Amino acid sequence: MRSRATTVLRVLVAVTIVESFVHYADNTLRYDDYVVADPTFPGSLTKQWVIPVSWVLFTAAGIIGYRRFRDGRRPEAAAWIGAYSVSGLISLLHYVDISVSDLSVFQNTFVFLDVLLGVLLLAFALWAAFVAPVPPETETSGDAAPARRA
């Protein structure tokens, strides 16, 4: 049986995967909308090919984090989910070289959603690391038979 926290994380990761796919696809397809002629240091690191590759890597981290949490491995889950949160938090860097008015309503909506989801994932990761109860270990040894109730 899944816990409420596991269900919340599953939904959060699923929504983030879909939302970030749209946002990262838009960033890739309309790359020129997000880039200025002379970007600052962080902006100059982002090449068009980096965007879909980073989406795949971030998404893998989110899925791994979800699976670790579901399996009761809270410290590992927190680290992976925290890493996944960067996929949304990094969207704030859009506005280092361009202003909000330089992007369409669609683009700004997905930037802000990405940041919001990143904040929620980071909050969940911190909760998982410091507050979430660790489920009791189940016996996995093949030597002992499960106890039966009388």
Protein backbone atom coordinates (compact mmCIF):
# COMPACT_ATOMS: atom_id res chain seq x y z
CA MET A 1 0.00 0.00 0.00
CA ARG A 2 1.34 3.41 -0.97
CA SER A 3 1.59 6.15 1.58
CA ARG A 4 0.03 9.56 1.04
CA ALA A 5 3.53 11.06 0.72
CA THR A 6 4.43 8.58 -2.02
CA THR A 7 1.25 9.48 -3.90
CA VAL A 8 1.98 13.20 -3.55
CA LEU A 9 5.51 12.68 -4.86
CA ARG A 10 4.30 10.50 -7.74
CA VAL A 11 1.84 13.21 -8.84
CA LEU A 12 4.41 15.98 -8.35
CA VAL A 13 7.03 14.16 -10.43
CA ALA A 14 4.49 13.26 -13.15
CA VAL A 15 3.24 16.85 -13.42
CA THR A 16 6.81 18.15 -13.46
CA ILE A 17 7.81 15.73 -16.22
CA VAL A 18 4.94 16.87 -18.45
CA GLU A 19 5.34 20.59 -17.68
CA SER A 20 9.11 20.55 -18.07
CA PHE A 21 8.84 18.63 -21.33
CA VAL A 22 6.71 21.43 -22.79
CA HIS A 23 9.01 24.12 -21.36
CA TYR A 24 12.27 22.47 -22.41
CA ALA A 25 10.85 21.66 -25.88
CA ASP A 26 9.85 25.31 -26.28
CA ASN A 27 13.32 26.40 -25.13
CA THR A 28 14.87 24.10 -27.72
CA LEU A 29 12.56 24.96 -30.62
CA ARG A 30 12.49 28.71 -29.91
CA TYR A 31 16.06 28.93 -28.66
CA ASP A 32 16.61 32.33 -30.30
CA ASP A 33 13.79 33.86 -28.20
CA TYR A 34 15.72 33.09 -25.03
CA VAL A 35 19.19 34.16 -26.14
CA VAL A 36 20.68 37.63 -26.54
CA ALA A 37 23.65 38.57 -28.71
CA ASP A 38 26.05 38.91 -25.78
CA PRO A 39 24.81 36.74 -22.88
CA THR A 40 26.29 36.83 -19.39
CA PHE A 41 28.25 33.90 -17.98
CA PRO A 42 25.40 31.49 -17.16
CA GLY A 43 23.58 32.24 -20.40
CA SER A 44 26.69 31.68 -22.49
CA LEU A 45 26.93 28.10 -21.17
CA THR A 46 23.52 27.11 -22.50
CA LYS A 47 23.82 25.80 -26.03
CA GLN A 48 20.73 24.55 -27.84
CA TRP A 49 21.74 20.88 -27.63
CA VAL A 50 22.20 21.14 -23.84
CA ILE A 51 18.49 21.75 -23.25
CA PRO A 52 17.04 18.36 -24.32
CA VAL A 53 20.01 16.49 -22.86
CA SER A 54 19.54 18.21 -19.50
CA TRP A 55 15.80 17.45 -19.58
CA VAL A 56 16.56 13.74 -19.95
CA LEU A 57 19.14 13.80 -17.14
CA PHE A 58 16.94 15.83 -14.78
CA THR A 59 13.94 13.59 -15.51
CA ALA A 60 16.01 10.49 -14.81
CA ALA A 61 16.98 12.00 -11.44
CA GLY A 62 13.32 12.65 -10.65
CA ILE A 63 12.29 9.11 -11.48
CA ILE A 64 15.17 7.65 -9.47
CA GLY A 65 14.22 9.90 -6.54
CA TYR A 66 10.60 8.78 -6.70
CA ARG A 67 11.59 5.12 -6.78
CA ARG A 68 14.00 5.52 -3.85
CA PHE A 69 11.28 7.26 -1.83
CA ARG A 70 8.72 4.60 -2.71
CA ASP A 71 11.21 1.94 -1.59
CA GLY A 72 11.74 3.69 1.76
CA ARG A 73 15.27 4.90 1.02
CA ARG A 74 14.59 8.44 2.26
CA PRO A 75 18.13 9.93 2.35
CA GLU A 76 18.89 8.77 -1.20
CA ALA A 77 15.47 9.91 -2.38
CA ALA A 78 15.98 13.35 -0.88
CA ALA A 79 19.27 13.78 -2.75
CA TRP A 80 17.80 12.72 -6.10
CA ILE A 81 14.64 14.80 -5.66
CA GLY A 82 16.74 17.79 -4.61
CA ALA A 83 18.81 17.39 -7.76
CA TYR A 84 15.62 17.15 -9.81
CA SER A 85 14.32 20.39 -8.29
CA VAL A 86 17.17 22.24 -10.01
CA SER A 87 15.43 21.56 -13.34
CA GLY A 88 12.77 24.08 -12.32
CA LEU A 89 14.75 26.42 -10.11
CA ILE A 90 17.25 27.02 -12.92
CA SER A 91 14.47 28.62 -14.95
CA LEU A 92 15.00 31.82 -12.96
CA LEU A 93 18.14 32.27 -15.05
CA HIS A 94 15.93 33.06 -18.06
CA TYR A 95 15.60 36.57 -16.69
CA VAL A 96 19.32 37.23 -16.19
CA ASP A 97 19.81 38.31 -19.81
CA ILE A 98 16.22 39.09 -20.87
CA SER A 99 13.19 40.64 -19.22
CA VAL A 100 9.76 39.17 -18.59
CA SER A 101 8.38 41.40 -21.36
CA ASP A 102 10.74 39.78 -23.90
CA LEU A 103 8.86 36.48 -23.63
CA SER A 104 5.31 35.57 -24.59
CA VAL A 105 2.61 34.82 -22.02
CA PHE A 106 2.99 31.12 -22.91
CA GLN A 107 6.74 31.21 -22.31
CA ASN A 108 6.49 33.16 -19.05
CA THR A 109 3.75 30.84 -17.80
CA PHE A 110 5.95 27.79 -18.28
CA VAL A 111 8.99 29.52 -16.77
CA PHE A 112 6.99 30.41 -13.65
CA LEU A 113 5.40 26.94 -13.48
CA ASP A 114 8.86 25.40 -13.77
CA VAL A 115 10.12 27.53 -10.87
CA LEU A 116 7.05 26.74 -8.75
CA LEU A 117 7.44 23.00 -9.34
CA GLY A 118 11.16 23.28 -8.55
CA VAL A 119 10.33 24.94 -5.23
CA LEU A 120 7.76 22.22 -4.42
CA LEU A 121 10.27 19.47 -5.27
CA LEU A 122 12.96 21.11 -3.15
CA ALA A 123 10.52 21.44 -0.25
CA PHE A 124 9.60 17.76 -0.61
CA ALA A 125 13.29 16.78 -0.72
CA LEU A 126 14.01 18.73 2.47
CA TRP A 127 10.97 17.19 4.14
CA ALA A 128 12.08 13.71 3.04
CA ALA A 129 15.58 14.33 4.36
CA PHE A 130 14.70 15.80 7.74
CA VAL A 131 11.08 15.06 8.67
CA ALA A 132 9.62 12.10 6.78
CA PRO A 133 9.35 8.94 8.83
CA VAL A 134 11.50 6.11 7.57
CA PRO A 135 9.38 3.01 7.05
CA PRO A 136 10.38 -0.07 9.03
CA GLU A 137 12.66 -2.43 7.18
CA THR A 138 11.04 -5.53 5.80
CA GLU A 139 12.80 -8.83 6.02
CA THR A 140 14.26 -9.77 2.67
CA SER A 141 16.39 -12.71 3.74
CA GLY A 142 15.47 -15.96 2.07
CA ASP A 143 16.42 -17.87 5.25
CA ALA A 144 13.42 -16.98 7.36
CA ALA A 145 9.84 -17.69 6.48
CA PRO A 146 7.35 -14.90 7.07
CA ALA A 147 5.59 -15.12 10.41
CA ARG A 148 1.98 -16.32 10.30
CA ARG A 149 -0.79 -15.00 12.43
CA ALA A 150 -2.64 -17.50 14.53
